[in-house]
């Protein structure tokens, strides 16, 4: 009888899931590749086979979110007015914060912040989203409002105290709150 074979890519997904769980428990900096291997019951080289470093694991976790942010930016940039661009970006930010609510805590980890800031494409995405939210020639107030929106939205979505709130309700309340935060820019 043939030995059952795991679907292609499942080992990689298991590494990502174990890493995410450990990052939540110990932070990124507090999680070693050996800890990930131990959690999975495999050798450290088995983890290395999937990912060369902890930073590679972090990037694999956050890249889908950045890809989605790029899509939101493209849609927003197609809007004819600054307000339309801002509205689409706000809505997209809230949508992504809710969709990735289990991951957003990563962006407040210093190791992740460093890894993300070292990637020009990620920083360009961040800057493009901020520009759409702030509009042309942003003032200090515009920049502070935008930072409050982004930090507040993603932190709230990731808050473990709010895990009992379903995605639909969280999305609705966050979108309303985001629009109120952005009101001075309209």
N, C-alpha and C. Protein backbone atom coordinates (compact mmCIF):
# COMPACT_ATOMS: atom_id res chain seq x y z
N UNK A 1 0.85 -1.18 0.00
CA UNK A 1 0.00 0.00 0.00
C UNK A 1 0.89 1.24 0.00
N UNK A 2 0.52 2.21 -0.79
CA UNK A 2 1.30 3.44 -0.92
C UNK A 2 1.19 4.29 0.34
N UNK A 3 2.29 4.91 0.68
CA UNK A 3 2.33 5.82 1.82
C UNK A 3 1.60 7.11 1.45
N UNK A 4 0.71 7.63 2.32
CA UNK A 4 0.04 8.89 2.00
C UNK A 4 1.05 10.03 1.85
N UNK A 5 0.83 10.86 0.90
CA UNK A 5 1.72 11.98 0.63
C UNK A 5 0.99 13.28 0.94
N UNK A 6 1.64 14.15 1.68
CA UNK A 6 1.04 15.46 1.99
C UNK A 6 0.98 16.29 0.72
N UNK A 7 -0.04 17.11 0.59
CA UNK A 7 -0.13 17.98 -0.60
C UNK A 7 1.09 18.89 -0.70
N UNK A 8 1.48 19.18 -1.93
CA UNK A 8 2.63 20.05 -2.18
C UNK A 8 2.40 21.40 -1.48
N UNK A 9 3.43 21.88 -0.84
CA UNK A 9 3.33 23.17 -0.17
C UNK A 9 2.85 23.09 1.26
N UNK A 10 2.35 21.92 1.68
CA UNK A 10 1.80 21.85 3.03
C UNK A 10 2.89 22.00 4.10
N UNK A 11 4.09 21.51 3.84
CA UNK A 11 5.18 21.67 4.81
C UNK A 11 5.48 23.15 5.01
N UNK A 12 5.52 23.88 3.93
CA UNK A 12 5.77 25.32 3.99
C UNK A 12 4.67 26.01 4.80
N UNK A 13 3.43 25.65 4.55
CA UNK A 13 2.31 26.24 5.28
C UNK A 13 2.36 25.89 6.76
N UNK A 14 2.76 24.66 7.07
CA UNK A 14 2.87 24.26 8.48
C UNK A 14 3.96 25.07 9.18
N UNK A 15 5.07 25.31 8.48
CA UNK A 15 6.14 26.14 9.06
C UNK A 15 5.61 27.54 9.32
N UNK A 16 4.90 28.11 8.34
CA UNK A 16 4.35 29.46 8.52
C UNK A 16 3.38 29.52 9.69
N UNK A 17 2.51 28.52 9.80
CA UNK A 17 1.53 28.52 10.89
C UNK A 17 2.22 28.38 12.25
N UNK A 18 3.18 27.47 12.34
CA UNK A 18 3.91 27.30 13.61
C UNK A 18 4.67 28.58 13.96
N UNK A 19 5.30 29.18 12.96
CA UNK A 19 6.04 30.42 13.21
C UNK A 19 5.11 31.52 13.69
N UNK A 20 3.96 31.67 13.04
CA UNK A 20 3.01 32.70 13.45
C UNK A 20 2.57 32.48 14.89
N UNK A 21 2.25 31.25 15.24
CA UNK A 21 1.84 30.95 16.62
C UNK A 21 2.95 31.31 17.60
N UNK A 22 4.18 30.96 17.27
CA UNK A 22 5.31 31.27 18.15
C UNK A 22 5.59 32.77 18.19
N UNK A 23 5.45 33.45 17.07
CA UNK A 23 5.64 34.90 17.06
C UNK A 23 4.63 35.56 17.99
N UNK A 24 3.41 35.03 18.00
CA UNK A 24 2.38 35.59 18.88
C UNK A 24 2.74 35.36 20.35
N UNK A 25 3.32 34.22 20.64
CA UNK A 25 3.68 33.87 22.01
C UNK A 25 4.96 34.56 22.49
N UNK A 26 5.96 34.64 21.61
CA UNK A 26 7.30 35.05 22.04
C UNK A 26 7.87 36.26 21.32
N UNK A 27 7.17 36.82 20.37
CA UNK A 27 7.64 37.87 19.47
C UNK A 27 8.52 37.23 18.39
N UNK A 28 8.76 38.00 17.35
CA UNK A 28 9.61 37.49 16.27
C UNK A 28 11.03 37.30 16.78
N UNK A 29 11.56 38.33 17.45
CA UNK A 29 12.92 38.24 17.96
C UNK A 29 13.11 37.15 18.99
N UNK A 30 12.04 36.79 19.68
CA UNK A 30 12.11 35.76 20.71
C UNK A 30 11.86 34.36 20.19
N UNK A 31 11.70 34.22 18.88
CA UNK A 31 11.43 32.91 18.28
C UNK A 31 12.61 32.50 17.40
N UNK A 32 13.13 31.34 17.67
CA UNK A 32 14.25 30.83 16.86
C UNK A 32 13.73 29.80 15.86
N UNK A 33 14.54 29.54 14.85
CA UNK A 33 14.18 28.48 13.90
C UNK A 33 14.11 27.13 14.61
N UNK A 34 14.94 26.94 15.63
CA UNK A 34 14.89 25.69 16.39
C UNK A 34 13.55 25.56 17.11
N UNK A 35 13.03 26.65 17.65
CA UNK A 35 11.72 26.60 18.31
C UNK A 35 10.64 26.22 17.32
N UNK A 36 10.73 26.74 16.11
CA UNK A 36 9.75 26.40 15.07
C UNK A 36 9.86 24.91 14.74
N UNK A 37 11.09 24.43 14.59
CA UNK A 37 11.30 23.01 14.31
C UNK A 37 10.74 22.14 15.44
N UNK A 38 11.02 22.53 16.68
CA UNK A 38 10.51 21.78 17.83
C UNK A 38 8.99 21.75 17.84
N UNK A 39 8.37 22.87 17.54
CA UNK A 39 6.90 22.94 17.52
C UNK A 39 6.33 21.97 16.49
N UNK A 40 7.03 21.84 15.37
CA UNK A 40 6.57 20.96 14.29
C UNK A 40 7.00 19.51 14.47
N UNK A 41 7.93 19.28 15.38
CA UNK A 41 8.45 17.93 15.56
C UNK A 41 9.36 17.50 14.42
N UNK A 42 10.08 18.47 13.86
CA UNK A 42 11.00 18.19 12.76
C UNK A 42 12.38 18.74 13.12
N UNK A 43 13.35 18.45 12.28
CA UNK A 43 14.70 18.97 12.51
C UNK A 43 14.80 20.41 12.02
N UNK A 44 15.78 21.12 12.56
CA UNK A 44 16.02 22.49 12.12
C UNK A 44 16.34 22.54 10.62
N UNK A 45 17.12 21.60 10.07
CA UNK A 45 17.34 21.63 8.62
C UNK A 45 16.04 21.50 7.80
N UNK A 46 15.04 20.82 8.36
CA UNK A 46 13.75 20.72 7.65
C UNK A 46 13.09 22.09 7.54
N UNK A 47 13.27 22.92 8.56
CA UNK A 47 12.75 24.29 8.49
C UNK A 47 13.59 25.10 7.50
N UNK A 48 14.91 24.93 7.57
CA UNK A 48 15.81 25.62 6.62
C UNK A 48 15.50 25.25 5.17
N UNK A 49 15.05 24.04 4.96
CA UNK A 49 14.71 23.60 3.61
C UNK A 49 13.58 24.46 3.04
N UNK A 50 12.67 24.90 3.90
CA UNK A 50 11.54 25.72 3.48
C UNK A 50 11.89 27.21 3.45
N UNK A 51 12.67 27.65 4.43
CA UNK A 51 13.01 29.07 4.58
C UNK A 51 14.46 29.20 5.04
N UNK A 52 15.21 30.11 4.43
CA UNK A 52 16.62 30.29 4.77
C UNK A 52 16.80 31.02 6.10
N UNK A 53 15.81 31.81 6.51
CA UNK A 53 15.98 32.60 7.73
C UNK A 53 14.62 32.94 8.32
N UNK A 54 14.67 33.43 9.54
CA UNK A 54 13.44 33.90 10.19
C UNK A 54 12.85 35.08 9.41
N UNK A 55 13.71 35.96 8.88
CA UNK A 55 13.21 37.08 8.07
C UNK A 55 12.46 36.59 6.84
N UNK A 56 12.93 35.50 6.24
CA UNK A 56 12.21 34.94 5.09
C UNK A 56 10.81 34.47 5.49
N UNK A 57 10.70 33.92 6.69
CA UNK A 57 9.39 33.49 7.19
C UNK A 57 8.49 34.71 7.39
N UNK A 58 9.04 35.74 8.02
CA UNK A 58 8.28 36.97 8.24
C UNK A 58 7.79 37.53 6.91
N UNK A 59 8.68 37.61 5.93
CA UNK A 59 8.30 38.16 4.62
C UNK A 59 7.22 37.31 3.95
N UNK A 60 7.32 35.99 4.09
CA UNK A 60 6.30 35.11 3.51
C UNK A 60 4.94 35.34 4.18
N UNK A 61 4.95 35.68 5.45
CA UNK A 61 3.70 35.95 6.15
C UNK A 61 3.08 37.28 5.73
N UNK A 62 3.90 38.31 5.54
CA UNK A 62 3.35 39.65 5.26
C UNK A 62 3.20 39.97 3.78
N UNK A 63 3.88 39.26 2.90
CA UNK A 63 3.80 39.58 1.46
C UNK A 63 2.38 39.54 0.90
N UNK A 64 1.55 38.56 1.25
CA UNK A 64 0.18 38.58 0.70
C UNK A 64 -0.58 39.85 1.08
N UNK A 65 -0.35 40.35 2.28
CA UNK A 65 -1.00 41.58 2.70
C UNK A 65 -0.50 42.76 1.87
N UNK A 66 0.79 42.83 1.65
CA UNK A 66 1.33 43.92 0.83
C UNK A 66 0.84 43.82 -0.61
N UNK A 67 0.71 42.60 -1.12
CA UNK A 67 0.17 42.43 -2.47
C UNK A 67 -1.25 42.99 -2.54
N UNK A 68 -2.04 42.74 -1.50
CA UNK A 68 -3.41 43.27 -1.46
C UNK A 68 -3.42 44.79 -1.33
N UNK A 69 -2.50 45.34 -0.56
CA UNK A 69 -2.41 46.80 -0.44
C UNK A 69 -2.08 47.41 -1.79
N UNK A 70 -1.20 46.78 -2.54
CA UNK A 70 -0.86 47.27 -3.89
C UNK A 70 -2.12 47.31 -4.76
N UNK A 71 -2.96 46.28 -4.66
CA UNK A 71 -4.21 46.26 -5.44
C UNK A 71 -5.14 47.41 -5.02
N UNK A 72 -5.24 47.66 -3.72
CA UNK A 72 -6.07 48.77 -3.24
C UNK A 72 -5.52 50.09 -3.79
N UNK A 73 -4.23 50.26 -3.76
CA UNK A 73 -3.61 51.50 -4.26
C UNK A 73 -3.92 51.69 -5.74
N UNK A 74 -3.82 50.64 -6.52
CA UNK A 74 -4.12 50.75 -7.96
C UNK A 74 -5.56 51.18 -8.20
N UNK A 75 -6.48 50.62 -7.44
CA UNK A 75 -7.89 51.00 -7.57
C UNK A 75 -8.07 52.45 -7.15
N UNK A 76 -7.47 52.83 -6.02
CA UNK A 76 -7.60 54.20 -5.52
C UNK A 76 -7.02 55.21 -6.49
N UNK A 77 -5.88 54.88 -7.07
CA UNK A 77 -5.24 55.81 -8.01
C UNK A 77 -6.09 56.05 -9.26
N UNK A 78 -6.98 55.13 -9.56
CA UNK A 78 -7.85 55.28 -10.73
C UNK A 78 -9.03 56.22 -10.47
N UNK A 79 -9.24 56.58 -9.21
CA UNK A 79 -10.35 57.48 -8.88
C UNK A 79 -10.02 58.90 -9.36
N UNK A 80 -11.04 59.62 -9.85
CA UNK A 80 -10.78 60.93 -10.45
C UNK A 80 -10.50 62.07 -9.46
N UNK A 81 -10.91 61.91 -8.20
CA UNK A 81 -10.74 63.00 -7.24
C UNK A 81 -9.89 62.55 -6.06
N UNK A 82 -9.30 63.52 -5.37
CA UNK A 82 -8.51 63.22 -4.17
C UNK A 82 -9.39 62.55 -3.11
N UNK A 83 -10.63 63.03 -2.99
CA UNK A 83 -11.55 62.44 -2.01
C UNK A 83 -11.89 61.00 -2.38
N UNK A 84 -12.10 60.74 -3.65
CA UNK A 84 -12.38 59.38 -4.10
C UNK A 84 -11.20 58.46 -3.81
N UNK A 85 -10.00 58.95 -4.06
CA UNK A 85 -8.79 58.18 -3.78
C UNK A 85 -8.70 57.86 -2.29
N UNK A 86 -8.98 58.88 -1.48
CA UNK A 86 -8.91 58.72 -0.02
C UNK A 86 -9.97 57.72 0.45
N UNK A 87 -11.19 57.84 -0.06
CA UNK A 87 -12.27 56.94 0.37
C UNK A 87 -11.95 55.48 0.05
N UNK A 88 -11.46 55.24 -1.15
CA UNK A 88 -11.10 53.86 -1.54
C UNK A 88 -9.97 53.34 -0.67
N UNK A 89 -8.99 54.18 -0.39
CA UNK A 89 -7.85 53.76 0.43
C UNK A 89 -8.30 53.46 1.85
N UNK A 90 -9.13 54.31 2.43
CA UNK A 90 -9.63 54.07 3.79
C UNK A 90 -10.39 52.76 3.83
N UNK A 91 -11.30 52.57 2.90
CA UNK A 91 -12.08 51.33 2.85
C UNK A 91 -11.17 50.12 2.69
N UNK A 92 -10.17 50.23 1.82
CA UNK A 92 -9.24 49.13 1.61
C UNK A 92 -8.41 48.82 2.83
N UNK A 93 -7.95 49.85 3.52
CA UNK A 93 -7.16 49.67 4.74
C UNK A 93 -7.98 48.91 5.78
N UNK A 94 -9.22 49.31 5.96
CA UNK A 94 -10.08 48.64 6.94
C UNK A 94 -10.31 47.19 6.52
N UNK A 95 -10.62 46.98 5.26
CA UNK A 95 -10.84 45.62 4.76
C UNK A 95 -9.63 44.73 5.04
N UNK A 96 -8.45 45.23 4.75
CA UNK A 96 -7.24 44.43 4.95
C UNK A 96 -6.91 44.22 6.42
N UNK A 97 -7.15 45.23 7.24
CA UNK A 97 -6.91 45.08 8.68
C UNK A 97 -7.78 43.96 9.25
N UNK A 98 -9.02 43.89 8.79
CA UNK A 98 -9.92 42.84 9.27
C UNK A 98 -9.51 41.48 8.67
N UNK A 99 -9.26 41.45 7.38
CA UNK A 99 -8.89 40.18 6.72
C UNK A 99 -7.63 39.58 7.33
N UNK A 100 -6.68 40.43 7.66
CA UNK A 100 -5.40 39.95 8.19
C UNK A 100 -5.27 40.23 9.68
N UNK A 101 -6.36 40.26 10.38
CA UNK A 101 -6.32 40.66 11.79
C UNK A 101 -5.41 39.78 12.63
N UNK A 102 -5.22 38.55 12.25
CA UNK A 102 -4.33 37.67 13.01
C UNK A 102 -2.86 37.98 12.75
N UNK A 103 -2.57 38.69 11.67
CA UNK A 103 -1.19 38.99 11.30
C UNK A 103 -0.74 40.40 11.66
N UNK A 104 -1.68 41.31 11.81
CA UNK A 104 -1.28 42.72 11.89
C UNK A 104 -0.41 43.05 13.09
N UNK A 105 -0.47 42.24 14.14
CA UNK A 105 0.40 42.49 15.30
C UNK A 105 1.88 42.45 14.89
N UNK A 106 2.18 41.72 13.84
CA UNK A 106 3.57 41.59 13.40
C UNK A 106 4.21 42.94 13.09
N UNK A 107 3.42 43.88 12.59
CA UNK A 107 3.97 45.16 12.18
C UNK A 107 4.43 46.01 13.36
N UNK A 108 4.12 45.59 14.57
CA UNK A 108 4.53 46.34 15.75
C UNK A 108 5.70 45.65 16.45
N UNK A 109 6.25 44.64 15.81
CA UNK A 109 7.43 43.94 16.30
C UNK A 109 8.65 44.58 15.65
N UNK A 110 9.64 44.97 16.44
CA UNK A 110 10.82 45.67 15.91
C UNK A 110 11.53 44.87 14.82
N UNK A 111 11.62 43.56 14.98
CA UNK A 111 12.30 42.74 13.98
C UNK A 111 11.55 42.79 12.65
N UNK A 112 10.24 42.81 12.70
CA UNK A 112 9.43 42.89 11.48
C UNK A 112 9.55 44.28 10.87
N UNK A 113 9.47 45.28 11.72
CA UNK A 113 9.60 46.65 11.23
C UNK A 113 10.92 46.82 10.48
N UNK A 114 12.00 46.29 11.03
CA UNK A 114 13.30 46.39 10.38
C UNK A 114 13.28 45.65 9.04
N UNK A 115 12.74 44.44 9.03
CA UNK A 115 12.71 43.65 7.79
C UNK A 115 11.88 44.34 6.72
N UNK A 116 10.74 44.90 7.11
CA UNK A 116 9.86 45.59 6.15
C UNK A 116 10.54 46.86 5.64
N UNK A 117 11.13 47.62 6.54
CA UNK A 117 11.79 48.88 6.13
C UNK A 117 13.01 48.63 5.23
N UNK A 118 13.55 47.44 5.29
CA UNK A 118 14.70 47.13 4.43
C UNK A 118 14.29 46.78 3.00
N UNK A 119 12.99 46.63 2.78
CA UNK A 119 12.50 46.29 1.45
C UNK A 119 11.95 47.54 0.77
N UNK A 120 12.61 47.98 -0.28
CA UNK A 120 12.19 49.20 -0.99
C UNK A 120 10.76 49.09 -1.51
N UNK A 121 10.38 47.92 -2.01
CA UNK A 121 9.04 47.75 -2.55
C UNK A 121 7.98 47.91 -1.47
N UNK A 122 8.26 47.42 -0.27
CA UNK A 122 7.30 47.57 0.83
C UNK A 122 7.19 49.02 1.26
N UNK A 123 8.33 49.70 1.33
CA UNK A 123 8.30 51.11 1.72
C UNK A 123 7.61 51.96 0.66
N UNK A 124 7.80 51.64 -0.60
CA UNK A 124 7.11 52.37 -1.67
C UNK A 124 5.61 52.17 -1.56
N UNK A 125 5.19 50.97 -1.21
CA UNK A 125 3.76 50.68 -1.02
C UNK A 125 3.22 51.50 0.15
N UNK A 126 3.94 51.50 1.26
CA UNK A 126 3.53 52.29 2.42
C UNK A 126 3.41 53.77 2.06
N UNK A 127 4.42 54.29 1.38
CA UNK A 127 4.43 55.71 1.01
C UNK A 127 3.29 56.05 0.06
N UNK A 128 2.98 55.15 -0.88
CA UNK A 128 1.89 55.40 -1.82
C UNK A 128 0.55 55.43 -1.10
N UNK A 129 0.34 54.52 -0.16
CA UNK A 129 -0.91 54.51 0.60
C UNK A 129 -1.03 55.78 1.45
N UNK A 130 0.06 56.17 2.09
CA UNK A 130 0.04 57.39 2.90
C UNK A 130 -0.26 58.61 2.04
N UNK A 131 0.33 58.68 0.86
CA UNK A 131 0.09 59.82 -0.04
C UNK A 131 -1.38 59.88 -0.47
N UNK A 132 -1.99 58.74 -0.71
CA UNK A 132 -3.40 58.72 -1.10
C UNK A 132 -4.29 59.19 0.06
N UNK A 133 -3.92 58.82 1.27
CA UNK A 133 -4.71 59.24 2.43
C UNK A 133 -4.50 60.71 2.76
N UNK A 134 -3.27 61.19 2.65
CA UNK A 134 -2.95 62.55 3.05
C UNK A 134 -3.28 63.58 1.99
N UNK A 135 -3.24 63.18 0.74
CA UNK A 135 -3.45 64.14 -0.33
C UNK A 135 -2.18 64.91 -0.62
N UNK A 136 -2.26 65.83 -1.58
CA UNK A 136 -1.07 66.60 -1.96
C UNK A 136 -0.66 67.59 -0.87
N UNK A 137 0.61 67.83 -0.73
CA UNK A 137 1.17 68.79 0.23
C UNK A 137 0.61 68.60 1.64
N UNK A 138 0.82 67.43 2.25
CA UNK A 138 0.24 67.18 3.57
C UNK A 138 0.85 68.07 4.65
N UNK A 139 0.00 68.51 5.53
CA UNK A 139 0.42 69.29 6.69
C UNK A 139 0.78 68.32 7.82
N UNK A 140 1.29 68.86 8.91
CA UNK A 140 1.56 68.04 10.08
C UNK A 140 0.27 67.37 10.56
N UNK A 141 -0.84 68.12 10.54
CA UNK A 141 -2.12 67.56 10.95
C UNK A 141 -2.51 66.38 10.05
N UNK A 142 -2.36 66.53 8.74
CA UNK A 142 -2.69 65.46 7.80
C UNK A 142 -1.88 64.20 8.11
N UNK A 143 -0.60 64.39 8.36
CA UNK A 143 0.28 63.25 8.63
C UNK A 143 -0.08 62.56 9.94
N UNK A 144 -0.41 63.35 10.95
CA UNK A 144 -0.78 62.77 12.25
C UNK A 144 -2.11 62.03 12.14
N UNK A 145 -3.06 62.61 11.44
CA UNK A 145 -4.35 61.95 11.25
C UNK A 145 -4.16 60.62 10.52
N UNK A 146 -3.35 60.63 9.48
CA UNK A 146 -3.11 59.41 8.71
C UNK A 146 -2.43 58.34 9.56
N UNK A 147 -1.44 58.73 10.34
CA UNK A 147 -0.76 57.78 11.21
C UNK A 147 -1.72 57.22 12.25
N UNK A 148 -2.58 58.07 12.80
CA UNK A 148 -3.58 57.63 13.77
C UNK A 148 -4.53 56.62 13.12
N UNK A 149 -4.96 56.92 11.91
CA UNK A 149 -5.85 56.00 11.20
C UNK A 149 -5.18 54.64 11.01
N UNK A 150 -3.98 54.63 10.46
CA UNK A 150 -3.31 53.37 10.15
C UNK A 150 -2.98 52.58 11.42
N UNK A 151 -2.34 53.25 12.38
CA UNK A 151 -1.96 52.56 13.61
C UNK A 151 -3.20 52.10 14.38
N UNK A 152 -4.18 52.97 14.48
CA UNK A 152 -5.39 52.63 15.22
C UNK A 152 -6.17 51.50 14.58
N UNK A 153 -6.29 51.53 13.28
CA UNK A 153 -7.06 50.50 12.58
C UNK A 153 -6.39 49.14 12.72
N UNK A 154 -5.09 49.08 12.43
CA UNK A 154 -4.41 47.78 12.48
C UNK A 154 -4.24 47.27 13.91
N UNK A 155 -3.98 48.16 14.86
CA UNK A 155 -3.85 47.73 16.25
C UNK A 155 -5.18 47.22 16.78
N UNK A 156 -6.25 47.91 16.46
CA UNK A 156 -7.57 47.48 16.91
C UNK A 156 -7.93 46.12 16.32
N UNK A 157 -7.69 45.95 15.04
CA UNK A 157 -8.02 44.67 14.40
C UNK A 157 -7.25 43.51 15.03
N UNK A 158 -6.03 43.77 15.48
CA UNK A 158 -5.19 42.71 16.05
C UNK A 158 -5.40 42.51 17.55
N UNK A 159 -6.16 43.36 18.19
CA UNK A 159 -6.31 43.31 19.65
C UNK A 159 -6.96 42.00 20.10
N UNK A 160 -6.27 41.20 20.90
CA UNK A 160 -6.84 39.93 21.36
C UNK A 160 -8.09 40.12 22.22
N UNK A 161 -8.24 41.29 22.82
CA UNK A 161 -9.44 41.57 23.62
C UNK A 161 -10.70 41.66 22.75
N UNK A 162 -10.50 41.80 21.44
CA UNK A 162 -11.64 41.95 20.53
C UNK A 162 -11.88 40.70 19.67
N UNK A 163 -11.23 39.59 20.01
CA UNK A 163 -11.38 38.36 19.24
C UNK A 163 -12.82 37.87 19.18
N UNK A 164 -13.62 38.21 20.19
CA UNK A 164 -15.00 37.74 20.22
C UNK A 164 -15.90 38.50 19.25
N UNK A 165 -15.41 39.58 18.67
CA UNK A 165 -16.20 40.37 17.72
C UNK A 165 -15.97 39.80 16.33
N UNK A 166 -17.07 39.45 15.65
CA UNK A 166 -16.92 38.84 14.33
C UNK A 166 -16.42 39.86 13.31
N UNK A 167 -15.90 39.35 12.21
CA UNK A 167 -15.28 40.20 11.20
C UNK A 167 -16.23 41.24 10.63
N UNK A 168 -17.47 40.86 10.41
CA UNK A 168 -18.44 41.80 9.82
C UNK A 168 -18.67 43.00 10.74
N UNK A 169 -18.88 42.74 12.02
CA UNK A 169 -19.11 43.83 12.96
C UNK A 169 -17.84 44.67 13.13
N UNK A 170 -16.70 44.00 13.23
CA UNK A 170 -15.44 44.73 13.35
C UNK A 170 -15.23 45.64 12.15
N UNK A 171 -15.48 45.11 10.97
CA UNK A 171 -15.31 45.90 9.73
C UNK A 171 -16.21 47.13 9.76
N UNK A 172 -17.47 46.94 10.10
CA UNK A 172 -18.43 48.04 10.11
C UNK A 172 -18.02 49.14 11.08
N UNK A 173 -17.65 48.75 12.28
CA UNK A 173 -17.28 49.74 13.30
C UNK A 173 -15.96 50.42 12.95
N UNK A 174 -14.99 49.64 12.47
CA UNK A 174 -13.71 50.24 12.09
C UNK A 174 -13.87 51.21 10.92
N UNK A 175 -14.70 50.86 9.95
CA UNK A 175 -14.89 51.74 8.80
C UNK A 175 -15.54 53.05 9.24
N UNK A 176 -16.54 52.97 10.10
CA UNK A 176 -17.18 54.18 10.62
C UNK A 176 -16.16 55.03 11.40
N UNK A 177 -15.38 54.38 12.24
CA UNK A 177 -14.36 55.09 13.03
C UNK A 177 -13.30 55.71 12.12
N UNK A 178 -12.86 54.97 11.12
CA UNK A 178 -11.85 55.48 10.19
C UNK A 178 -12.36 56.72 9.46
N UNK A 179 -13.60 56.68 9.05
CA UNK A 179 -14.17 57.84 8.35
C UNK A 179 -14.23 59.06 9.27
N UNK A 180 -14.53 58.83 10.55
CA UNK A 180 -14.55 59.95 11.49
C UNK A 180 -13.15 60.50 11.73
N UNK A 181 -12.18 59.60 11.82
CA UNK A 181 -10.79 60.05 12.00
C UNK A 181 -10.36 60.90 10.82
N UNK A 182 -10.74 60.48 9.62
CA UNK A 182 -10.32 61.16 8.39
C UNK A 182 -11.15 62.40 8.07
N UNK A 183 -12.23 62.64 8.79
CA UNK A 183 -13.14 63.76 8.49
C UNK A 183 -12.43 65.11 8.33
N UNK A 184 -11.45 65.45 9.15
CA UNK A 184 -10.79 66.75 8.96
C UNK A 184 -10.08 66.89 7.61
N UNK A 185 -9.79 65.79 6.95
CA UNK A 185 -9.09 65.85 5.67
C UNK A 185 -10.04 65.95 4.48
N UNK A 186 -11.32 65.85 4.73
CA UNK A 186 -12.28 65.90 3.61
C UNK A 186 -12.69 67.31 3.29
